């Protein structure tokens, strides 16, 4: 069957997050005229979601530009749209290399209600950061002394603590307690229940970019609004959840006039959209939940297995506003150290009774002139998912009790609370991707493979895949999501490019 000219190919993009928006923008620039974006919800942005707490702008979803330097396309767009402050755009800020871990000025509180000097536990922090770097190096060396990052960190920290930390027992236990807290921090960074679920050999695939992580003064959604302004308004259809993607001409069509397309996107409301190519940009969490019904014919086994092997967890935020701060003026992060956590653990024994112990502490929203006195608490894993089921009052009561216990101040009372609930979001089913035990870069590559492949004999590139889970270097990031949307748009451009013939041999 002869293909129509590329510019007239019918392209449907599923999902109006930054990956889908980026793909649509790029396709328009390439001259494609028949592009449509189908979004399940009533808004664009996906996991970029800006909200308000009182008069403060807060990020319910994506928080930072990770690695704001010229290599980061999100940073370049933010600069182009003038969405950042001067400091974030400065040359100096772009050259700082933090290795993915911002150097926060901390306040440390213990479960007996004491504030402690960071110098006391500094050896524990230095040990943890050293081991974290070592954990990332196994990917390059091809070694994997243990299956998971958590097992490696726990084994090595216990070994050093028992052989090299001398002095009084109380100090040693505080340092061990900090190691548990730092493991919980890492659960939030990776978006996993426990670091025991994160594969050691694959952990170092993730690449960090230079630049000191920065935020959008006017909210991350400002980026989405600017990008959406470059897309024709009638190109995006909202409130249209997809039920099934029928590909390889499997959809029974009644008296269709003219050429039939190989793909039909069927929505929950019964509407259908024909396409030559569909770009799927939905989160891995949704794919995991609906992997058996989303495509017909169903996904090939190797693709299903890769989806099953990859990790997708929950990381939630709990924002609190206070009348006045209980933390120091220069404080950027508050860490809670449970003094009975000296056996180093990042999960709680009883989720219902002790979920709040998974909340490692807070980051302080800066600058104070903009935010007043607002903290952002972080909690990952099953404890985080359980928190979503509680009422706002129950969460506020638990967090207030926690802060009072650790500060030793029984009068502290947050003015108001706002939390995220990403696990129960029906179109996200969690937060972002991590490399689970038994998972490798090949699984990410397999997920990114289009269906069918160009050498299969069928019309190629019927179903294509984008989103942060399909980038082996930048999974879990906004820039990873954007890059993959561009990648699939470029793949279609190459496919229809006169230089590469009707079916590109380069793909």
Protein backbone atom coordinates (compact mmCIF):
# COMPACT_ATOMS: atom_id res chain seq x y z
CA UNK A 1 0.00 0.00 0.00
CA UNK A 2 1.44 3.41 -0.93
CA UNK A 3 1.82 5.93 1.88
CA UNK A 4 0.32 9.36 1.54
CA UNK A 5 2.83 12.20 1.79
CA UNK A 6 4.23 12.45 5.31
CA UNK A 7 2.69 15.82 6.07
CA UNK A 8 -0.80 14.31 5.74
CA UNK A 9 -0.14 11.24 7.91
CA UNK A 10 -2.68 10.99 10.71
CA UNK A 11 -0.86 11.16 14.03
CA UNK A 12 -2.55 10.77 17.42
CA UNK A 13 -0.62 11.54 20.61
CA UNK A 14 -2.03 10.01 23.80
CA UNK A 15 -1.32 12.17 26.83
CA UNK A 16 -0.86 15.93 27.13
CA UNK A 17 2.06 15.93 29.57
CA UNK A 18 5.32 17.56 28.55
CA UNK A 19 6.30 14.52 26.45
CA UNK A 20 3.10 14.68 24.39
CA UNK A 21 3.26 18.47 24.12
CA UNK A 22 6.90 18.29 23.03
CA UNK A 23 6.07 15.67 20.39
CA UNK A 24 3.18 17.80 19.04
CA UNK A 25 5.32 20.95 18.90
CA UNK A 26 8.09 19.12 17.08
CA UNK A 27 5.74 17.47 14.58
CA UNK A 28 4.21 20.85 13.72
CA UNK A 29 7.69 22.27 13.17
CA UNK A 30 8.47 19.31 10.90
CA UNK A 31 5.44 20.23 8.76
CA UNK A 32 2.99 17.53 9.84
CA UNK A 33 -0.54 18.91 9.45
CA UNK A 34 -2.74 16.16 10.84
CA UNK A 35 -1.79 15.89 14.51
CA UNK A 36 -4.16 15.39 17.43
CA UNK A 37 -3.48 15.11 21.17
CA UNK A 38 -5.93 13.12 23.32
CA UNK A 39 -5.82 13.79 27.07
CA UNK A 40 -7.70 11.77 29.70
CA UNK A 41 -8.07 14.64 32.18
CA UNK A 42 -9.31 18.22 31.97
CA UNK A 43 -5.83 19.76 32.04
CA UNK A 44 -2.47 19.66 30.28
CA UNK A 45 0.84 19.12 32.06
CA UNK A 46 0.51 15.60 33.41
CA UNK A 47 2.88 15.20 36.35
CA UNK A 48 3.73 18.89 36.13
CA UNK A 49 1.08 20.34 38.41
CA UNK A 50 1.27 23.68 40.20
CA UNK A 51 -1.06 24.48 43.10
CA UNK A 52 -1.49 27.02 45.87
CA UNK A 53 -1.24 26.91 49.65
CA UNK A 54 -2.81 30.13 50.85
CA UNK A 55 -1.15 32.80 48.72
CA UNK A 56 1.87 30.62 47.96
CA UNK A 57 2.60 28.84 44.69
CA UNK A 58 3.63 25.23 45.37
CA UNK A 59 4.54 22.31 43.10
CA UNK A 60 2.25 19.33 43.62
CA UNK A 61 4.15 17.47 40.91
CA UNK A 62 7.56 18.10 39.34
CA UNK A 63 9.58 20.39 41.60
CA UNK A 64 12.97 21.29 40.15
CA UNK A 65 14.81 21.62 36.89
CA UNK A 66 17.42 18.94 37.58
CA UNK A 67 20.75 20.05 36.14
CA UNK A 68 19.84 23.51 34.80
CA UNK A 69 22.52 23.85 32.13
CA UNK A 70 22.61 24.17 28.35
CA UNK A 71 22.45 20.38 27.96
CA UNK A 72 19.00 20.41 29.57
CA UNK A 73 16.20 21.26 27.09
CA UNK A 74 13.77 22.17 29.89
CA UNK A 75 16.26 24.76 31.14
CA UNK A 76 16.77 26.12 27.63
CA UNK A 77 12.99 26.51 27.15
CA UNK A 78 12.60 28.11 30.60
CA UNK A 79 15.28 30.66 29.66
CA UNK A 80 13.70 31.24 26.25
CA UNK A 81 10.33 31.95 27.88
CA UNK A 82 11.98 34.10 30.64
CA UNK A 83 10.53 31.94 33.42
CA UNK A 84 13.56 31.83 35.77
CA UNK A 85 15.25 34.34 38.03
CA UNK A 86 18.66 35.81 37.16
CA UNK A 87 20.54 33.65 39.66
CA UNK A 88 19.21 30.42 38.15
CA UNK A 89 20.18 31.53 34.64
CA UNK A 90 23.68 32.71 35.65
CA UNK A 91 26.78 31.06 34.17
CA UNK A 92 27.96 30.26 37.70
CA UNK A 93 24.76 28.38 38.54
CA UNK A 94 25.02 26.33 35.34
CA UNK A 95 28.56 25.13 36.06
CA UNK A 96 28.06 23.87 39.62
CA UNK A 97 28.08 20.06 39.53
CA UNK A 98 26.22 18.62 42.51
CA UNK A 99 25.96 15.05 41.23
CA UNK A 100 22.20 15.05 41.70
CA UNK A 101 22.27 15.89 45.42
CA UNK A 102 21.84 19.57 46.37
CA UNK A 103 24.02 20.51 49.38
CA UNK A 104 21.22 21.57 51.77
CA UNK A 105 22.02 23.44 55.00
CA UNK A 106 20.37 21.12 57.56
CA UNK A 107 18.62 21.30 60.92
CA UNK A 108 18.62 17.93 62.68
CA UNK A 109 16.09 16.90 65.33
CA UNK A 110 15.89 13.63 67.28
CA UNK A 111 12.90 11.63 68.47
CA UNK A 112 13.69 12.59 72.08
CA UNK A 113 13.04 16.23 71.18
CA UNK A 114 16.59 17.51 70.83
CA UNK A 115 18.21 19.60 68.11
CA UNK A 116 21.72 18.33 67.42
CA UNK A 117 24.86 19.81 65.90
CA UNK A 118 25.35 18.48 62.32
CA UNK A 119 29.08 18.00 63.11
CA UNK A 120 28.19 15.13 65.46
CA UNK A 121 26.74 13.04 62.62
CA UNK A 122 28.88 14.43 59.78
CA UNK A 123 30.89 11.16 59.42
CA UNK A 124 27.60 9.32 58.70
CA UNK A 125 26.61 11.82 56.00
CA UNK A 126 30.05 11.65 54.37
CA UNK A 127 30.03 7.84 54.47
CA UNK A 128 26.55 7.66 52.93
CA UNK A 129 27.39 10.06 50.08
CA UNK A 130 30.62 8.17 49.34
CA UNK A 131 28.76 4.85 49.18
CA UNK A 132 26.04 6.38 47.01
CA UNK A 133 28.68 7.40 44.47
CA UNK A 134 30.15 3.89 44.63
CA UNK A 135 26.66 2.45 44.06
CA UNK A 136 26.49 4.38 40.80
CA UNK A 137 29.88 3.14 39.61
CA UNK A 138 28.89 -0.54 39.40
CA UNK A 139 27.01 0.13 36.17
CA UNK A 140 30.22 1.16 34.40
CA UNK A 141 32.33 -1.66 35.87
CA UNK A 142 29.73 -4.30 35.09
CA UNK A 143 29.94 -5.66 38.64
CA UNK A 144 27.01 -6.22 40.98
CA UNK A 145 28.24 -7.45 44.37
CA UNK A 146 24.67 -7.43 45.72
CA UNK A 147 21.28 -7.34 43.94
CA UNK A 148 20.09 -3.97 45.29
CA UNK A 149 21.33 -0.52 46.25
CA UNK A 150 19.70 -0.86 49.67
CA UNK A 151 21.49 -4.10 50.51
CA UNK A 152 24.83 -2.62 49.44
CA UNK A 153 24.35 0.62 51.41
CA UNK A 154 23.23 -1.25 54.53
CA UNK A 155 26.05 -3.78 54.40
CA UNK A 156 28.77 -1.19 53.87
CA UNK A 157 27.47 1.34 56.40
CA UNK A 158 27.15 -1.33 59.09
CA UNK A 159 30.65 -2.60 58.32
CA UNK A 160 32.23 0.87 58.59
CA UNK A 161 30.15 1.83 61.63
CA UNK A 162 31.21 -1.23 63.59
CA UNK A 163 34.87 -1.22 62.53
CA UNK A 164 35.72 2.49 62.31
CA UNK A 165 33.35 4.52 64.47
CA UNK A 166 34.82 4.65 67.95
CA UNK A 167 33.68 6.72 70.92
CA UNK A 168 30.49 6.79 72.94
CA UNK A 169 27.54 4.59 72.03
CA UNK A 170 25.01 7.47 71.97
CA UNK A 171 26.92 9.28 69.19
CA UNK A 172 27.27 6.07 67.20
CA UNK A 173 23.52 5.42 67.46
CA UNK A 174 22.72 8.94 66.29
CA UNK A 175 24.92 8.40 63.24
CA UNK A 176 23.19 5.09 62.50
CA UNK A 177 19.83 6.83 62.89
CA UNK A 178 20.90 9.46 60.34
CA UNK A 179 21.79 6.66 57.91
CA UNK A 180 18.19 5.37 58.17
CA UNK A 181 16.91 8.89 57.52
CA UNK A 182 19.18 9.25 54.48
CA UNK A 183 17.91 5.91 53.12
CA UNK A 184 14.37 7.33 53.37
CA UNK A 185 15.57 10.44 51.52
CA UNK A 186 16.91 8.19 48.76
CA UNK A 187 13.53 6.40 48.55
CA UNK A 188 11.99 9.78 47.72
CA UNK A 189 14.71 10.64 45.20
CA UNK A 190 14.29 7.28 43.44
CA UNK A 191 10.51 7.10 43.91
CA UNK A 192 10.61 3.64 45.45
CA UNK A 193 9.21 1.88 48.52
CA UNK A 194 12.64 0.76 49.67
CA UNK A 195 16.16 0.99 48.25
CA UNK A 196 16.15 -2.83 48.50
CA UNK A 197 13.93 -2.73 45.38
CA UNK A 198 16.41 -0.65 43.32
CA UNK A 199 18.85 -2.66 41.18
CA UNK A 200 22.50 -2.03 42.04
CA UNK A 201 23.93 -2.80 38.58
CA UNK A 202 21.50 -0.49 36.77
CA UNK A 203 21.48 2.34 39.35
CA UNK A 204 24.30 4.24 37.63
CA UNK A 205 22.50 4.43 34.27
CA UNK A 206 20.87 7.64 35.43
CA UNK A 207 22.90 10.64 34.30
CA UNK A 208 23.06 13.92 36.15
CA UNK A 209 23.61 17.21 34.35
CA UNK A 210 25.62 20.15 35.75
CA UNK A 211 23.86 23.08 37.38
CA UNK A 212 22.37 23.78 40.80
CA UNK A 213 18.75 22.55 40.72
CA UNK A 214 16.34 25.48 40.44
CA UNK A 215 12.61 26.15 40.59
CA UNK A 216 10.14 28.30 38.64
CA UNK A 217 9.20 31.45 40.60
CA UNK A 218 5.80 31.50 38.88
CA UNK A 219 5.28 27.72 38.98
CA UNK A 220 6.31 24.85 36.67
CA UNK A 221 2.96 25.06 34.86
CA UNK A 222 4.14 28.36 33.36
CA UNK A 223 6.37 26.27 31.09
CA UNK A 224 3.40 24.16 30.01
CA UNK A 225 1.31 27.26 29.26
CA UNK A 226 4.01 28.74 27.04
CA UNK A 227 4.46 25.46 25.17
CA UNK A 228 0.70 25.03 24.74
CA UNK A 229 0.49 28.53 23.23
CA UNK A 230 2.54 27.20 20.30
CA UNK A 231 0.01 24.44 19.55
CA UNK A 232 -3.34 25.14 17.81
CA UNK A 233 -6.06 25.05 20.46
CA UNK A 234 -8.29 22.65 18.52
CA UNK A 235 -5.45 20.12 18.29
CA UNK A 236 -5.90 18.99 21.93
CA UNK A 237 -8.99 17.12 23.13
CA UNK A 238 -9.53 16.87 26.90
CA UNK A 239 -11.53 14.47 29.10
CA UNK A 240 -11.05 11.58 26.69
CA UNK A 241 -9.57 8.57 28.51
CA UNK A 242 -8.39 5.91 26.08
CA UNK A 243 -9.87 2.44 26.42
CA UNK A 244 -7.89 0.58 23.77
CA UNK A 245 -5.42 1.14 20.94
CA UNK A 246 -6.34 -1.22 18.10
CA UNK A 247 -3.36 -1.62 15.77
CA UNK A 248 -2.41 -3.75 12.76
CA UNK A 249 -5.84 -3.15 11.17
CA UNK A 250 -7.66 -5.15 13.86
CA UNK A 251 -10.51 -2.71 14.52
CA UNK A 252 -13.79 -3.62 12.83
CA UNK A 253 -14.79 -0.52 10.89
CA UNK A 254 -18.19 -0.03 9.30
CA UNK A 255 -18.43 1.44 5.80
CA UNK A 256 -15.28 3.53 6.11
CA UNK A 257 -14.78 5.66 3.03
CA UNK A 258 -11.42 5.89 1.33
CA UNK A 259 -8.16 4.65 2.82
CA UNK A 260 -8.35 2.96 6.20
CA UNK A 261 -5.67 3.64 8.79
CA UNK A 262 -3.89 0.75 10.53
CA UNK A 263 -4.60 2.12 14.04
CA UNK A 264 -7.85 3.06 15.76
CA UNK A 265 -7.83 4.70 19.16
CA UNK A 266 -11.00 3.81 21.07
CA UNK A 267 -11.95 6.08 23.97
CA UNK A 268 -13.93 5.11 27.06
CA UNK A 269 -16.86 7.22 25.85
CA UNK A 270 -17.05 5.23 22.60
CA UNK A 271 -15.41 7.81 20.33
CA UNK A 272 -12.79 6.52 17.92
CA UNK A 273 -9.86 8.19 16.17
CA UNK A 274 -8.08 6.70 13.18
CA UNK A 275 -4.34 7.09 12.89
CA UNK A 276 -1.34 6.07 10.84
CA UNK A 277 0.78 6.54 13.94
CA UNK A 278 0.01 6.77 17.65
CA UNK A 279 2.53 8.13 20.13
CA UNK A 280 1.81 6.79 23.63
CA UNK A 281 3.16 9.12 26.34
CA UNK A 282 1.27 7.80 29.36
CA UNK A 283 3.10 7.05 32.66
CA UNK A 284 4.65 3.65 33.27
CA UNK A 285 2.39 3.25 36.33
CA UNK A 286 -0.69 3.37 34.10
CA UNK A 287 0.94 1.00 31.59
CA UNK A 288 1.68 -1.50 34.36
CA UNK A 289 -1.92 -1.43 35.55
CA UNK A 290 -3.49 -1.68 32.08
CA UNK A 291 -0.79 -3.58 30.15
CA UNK A 292 -3.14 -6.43 29.20
CA UNK A 293 -6.01 -4.31 27.86
CA UNK A 294 -4.50 -1.08 26.51
CA UNK A 295 -3.42 -2.55 23.17
CA UNK A 296 -5.10 -4.99 20.82
CA UNK A 297 -3.33 -7.13 19.70
CA UNK A 298 -1.71 -7.07 23.13
CA UNK A 299 1.88 -5.97 23.62
CA UNK A 300 4.55 -8.49 22.56
CA UNK A 301 5.77 -10.66 25.44
CA UNK A 302 9.24 -9.12 25.59
CA UNK A 303 7.69 -5.69 25.97
CA UNK A 304 5.26 -6.88 28.64
CA UNK A 305 8.14 -8.45 30.57
CA UNK A 306 10.16 -5.24 30.43
CA UNK A 307 7.17 -3.25 31.74
CA UNK A 308 6.82 -5.77 34.58
CA UNK A 309 10.53 -5.66 35.47
CA UNK A 310 10.78 -1.87 35.58
CA UNK A 311 10.02 -0.02 38.79
CA UNK A 312 7.42 2.69 39.28
CA UNK A 313 6.83 3.99 42.79
CA UNK A 314 5.16 6.75 44.77
CA UNK A 315 6.74 9.89 46.21
CA UNK A 316 4.33 12.37 47.79
CA UNK A 317 4.62 15.85 49.28
CA UNK A 318 2.98 17.32 52.36
CA UNK A 319 3.08 21.13 52.42
CA UNK A 320 2.69 22.97 55.71
CA UNK A 321 2.42 26.70 56.36
CA UNK A 322 3.42 28.17 59.72
CA UNK A 323 2.88 31.51 61.44
CA UNK A 324 6.56 31.57 62.38
CA UNK A 325 9.48 29.20 61.74
CA UNK A 326 10.82 26.66 64.23
CA UNK A 327 13.90 26.19 62.03
CA UNK A 328 17.02 28.35 61.63
CA UNK A 329 17.04 31.23 59.15
CA UNK A 330 19.69 29.61 56.93
CA UNK A 331 18.09 26.15 57.15
CA UNK A 332 17.22 24.52 53.81
CA UNK A 333 16.27 21.02 54.97
CA UNK A 334 14.99 19.50 58.24
CA UNK A 335 15.88 15.89 59.05
CA UNK A 336 14.21 13.74 61.72
CA UNK A 337 16.39 11.08 63.38
CA UNK A 338 14.59 8.21 65.11
CA UNK A 339 16.94 7.11 67.86
CA UNK A 340 15.62 3.54 67.74
CA UNK A 341 16.46 3.28 64.00
CA UNK A 342 20.05 2.22 64.68
CA UNK A 343 19.70 -1.00 62.67
CA UNK A 344 19.40 1.11 59.46
CA UNK A 345 16.04 0.67 57.76
CA UNK A 346 13.92 2.57 55.24
CA UNK A 347 10.56 0.86 55.83
CA UNK A 348 8.23 0.70 58.82
CA UNK A 349 7.08 -2.54 60.44
CA UNK A 350 3.43 -1.49 60.69
CA UNK A 351 2.26 0.85 57.94
CA UNK A 352 -1.09 1.72 59.55
CA UNK A 353 0.35 2.50 62.97
CA UNK A 354 3.69 4.00 62.00
CA UNK A 355 3.42 5.37 58.42
CA UNK A 356 4.53 8.81 59.61
CA UNK A 357 8.01 7.43 60.40
CA UNK A 358 8.67 7.20 56.65
CA UNK A 359 8.47 11.02 56.39
CA UNK A 360 12.20 11.80 56.60
CA UNK A 361 11.68 15.52 57.21
CA UNK A 362 11.13 18.67 55.17
CA UNK A 363 12.69 20.99 52.65
CA UNK A 364 12.24 24.70 53.35
CA UNK A 365 10.65 26.66 50.52
CA UNK A 366 12.94 29.55 49.64
CA UNK A 367 13.14 32.49 49.42
CA UNK A 368 11.23 33.40 52.58
CA UNK A 369 10.19 36.72 51.01
CA UNK A 370 8.20 34.76 48.43
CA UNK A 371 6.93 31.83 50.49
CA UNK A 372 6.73 33.04 54.06
CA UNK A 373 7.16 30.03 56.35
CA UNK A 374 6.30 26.96 54.25
CA UNK A 375 7.79 23.48 54.53
CA UNK A 376 7.52 20.60 52.06
CA UNK A 377 7.53 17.15 53.66
CA UNK A 378 8.55 14.12 51.59
CA UNK A 379 7.31 10.56 51.96
CA UNK A 380 7.72 7.61 49.59
CA UNK A 381 6.58 4.02 49.24
CA UNK A 382 3.66 2.06 50.69
CA UNK A 383 3.58 4.40 53.71
CA UNK A 384 3.05 7.27 51.28
CA UNK A 385 0.27 5.36 49.51
CA UNK A 386 -1.42 4.68 52.85
CA UNK A 387 -1.18 8.39 53.72
CA UNK A 388 -3.27 9.15 50.61
CA UNK A 389 -6.19 7.18 52.09
CA UNK A 390 -6.28 9.26 55.27
CA UNK A 391 -8.30 12.44 55.65
CA UNK A 392 -6.49 15.76 55.52
CA UNK A 393 -7.24 16.21 59.22
CA UNK A 394 -5.66 12.84 60.08
CA UNK A 395 -2.53 13.72 58.12
CA UNK A 396 -2.32 17.16 59.75
CA UNK A 397 -2.70 15.64 63.23
CA UNK A 398 0.02 13.03 62.60
CA UNK A 399 2.47 15.55 61.14
CA UNK A 400 1.81 18.06 63.95
CA UNK A 401 2.46 15.36 66.59
CA UNK A 402 5.65 14.39 64.80
CA UNK A 403 6.99 17.95 64.69
CA UNK A 404 6.09 18.56 68.34
CA UNK A 405 7.86 15.38 69.38
CA UNK A 406 11.05 16.09 67.47
CA UNK A 407 11.32 19.77 68.37
CA UNK A 408 10.24 19.30 71.98
CA UNK A 409 7.81 22.18 71.47
CA UNK A 410 4.20 21.18 72.31
CA UNK A 411 2.68 24.41 70.96
CA UNK A 412 3.77 24.22 67.30
CA UNK A 413 0.72 24.17 65.02
CA UNK A 414 0.75 24.44 61.21
CA UNK A 415 -1.77 26.94 59.81
CA UNK A 416 -2.75 24.76 56.85
CA UNK A 417 -1.80 21.68 54.86
CA UNK A 418 -1.78 20.57 51.23
CA UNK A 419 -0.67 17.15 50.01
CA UNK A 420 -0.20 15.30 46.75
CA UNK A 421 -1.92 11.95 46.06
CA UNK A 422 -0.16 10.53 43.01
CA UNK A 423 -0.80 6.85 43.70
CA UNK A 424 -4.58 7.33 43.58
CA UNK A 425 -4.41 9.48 40.45
CA UNK A 426 -6.12 7.05 38.02
CA UNK A 427 -4.01 8.13 35.02
CA UNK A 428 -0.63 8.16 36.80
CA UNK A 429 -0.78 5.40 39.46
CA UNK A 430 2.35 6.63 41.20
CA UNK A 431 5.11 9.17 40.65
CA UNK A 432 7.97 8.10 38.38
CA UNK A 433 10.24 5.34 37.14
CA UNK A 434 13.17 3.67 38.89
CA UNK A 435 15.39 0.78 37.83
CA UNK A 436 14.18 -2.18 39.85
CA UNK A 437 16.15 -5.31 40.78
CA UNK A 438 16.49 -7.48 37.69
CA UNK A 439 15.87 -4.53 35.37
CA UNK A 440 18.45 -3.17 32.91
CA UNK A 441 18.86 -0.51 30.26
CA UNK A 442 17.63 -3.03 27.71
CA UNK A 443 14.20 -2.99 29.37
CA UNK A 444 14.00 0.79 28.89
CA UNK A 445 15.12 0.40 25.26
CA UNK A 446 12.53 -2.35 24.69
CA UNK A 447 9.79 -0.15 26.14
CA UNK A 448 10.84 2.63 23.73
CA UNK A 449 10.72 0.34 20.66
CA UNK A 450 7.89 1.19 18.25
CA UNK A 451 5.37 -1.39 17.02
CA UNK A 452 5.81 -2.90 14.55
CA UNK A 453 9.54 -2.48 13.95
CA UNK A 454 10.42 -1.24 10.42
CA UNK A 455 11.69 -4.66 9.29
CA UNK A 456 8.54 -6.61 10.26
CA UNK A 457 6.78 -6.36 6.88
CA UNK A 458 3.73 -4.57 8.32
CA UNK A 459 3.27 -0.81 8.12
CA UNK A 460 5.93 0.39 10.55
CA UNK A 461 5.69 2.77 13.51
CA UNK A 462 1.99 2.26 14.15
CA UNK A 463 2.38 2.53 17.94
CA UNK A 464 5.28 4.53 19.37
CA UNK A 465 6.31 5.10 22.97
CA UNK A 466 7.59 8.20 24.75
CA UNK A 467 7.71 9.52 28.33
CA UNK A 468 10.33 9.54 31.07
CA UNK A 469 10.25 5.74 31.44
CA UNK A 470 11.60 5.36 27.88
CA UNK A 471 14.88 7.23 28.41
CA UNK A 472 17.70 5.14 29.87
CA UNK A 473 19.76 8.18 30.96
CA UNK A 474 17.09 10.58 32.21
CA UNK A 475 14.20 8.38 33.42
CA UNK A 476 12.16 10.02 36.23
CA UNK A 477 12.85 13.56 34.98
CA UNK A 478 10.91 16.26 33.10
CA UNK A 479 13.78 16.70 30.64
CA UNK A 480 13.77 12.94 30.02
CA UNK A 481 10.06 13.11 29.18
CA UNK A 482 10.56 16.06 26.82
CA UNK A 483 13.55 14.50 25.04
CA UNK A 484 11.58 11.31 24.33
CA UNK A 485 8.64 13.25 22.89
CA UNK A 486 11.06 14.96 20.53
CA UNK A 487 12.73 11.62 19.76
CA UNK A 488 9.49 10.05 18.51
CA UNK A 489 8.55 13.14 16.47
CA UNK A 490 12.00 13.02 14.87
CA UNK A 491 11.58 9.31 14.22
CA UNK A 492 8.46 10.04 12.17
CA UNK A 493 10.20 12.88 10.35
CA UNK A 494 13.07 10.52 9.43
CA UNK A 495 10.57 7.89 8.35
CA UNK A 496 8.90 10.23 5.87
CA UNK A 497 12.03 12.12 4.89
CA UNK A 498 12.81 11.87 1.14
CA UNK A 499 16.42 11.16 2.09
CA UNK A 500 15.46 7.90 3.75
CA UNK A 501 12.83 6.56 1.34
CA UNK A 502 9.32 5.58 2.32
CA UNK A 503 10.50 3.23 5.02
CA UNK A 504 13.60 4.59 6.68
CA UNK A 505 16.47 2.15 6.84
CA UNK A 506 17.98 4.21 9.65
CA UNK A 507 15.28 3.37 12.19
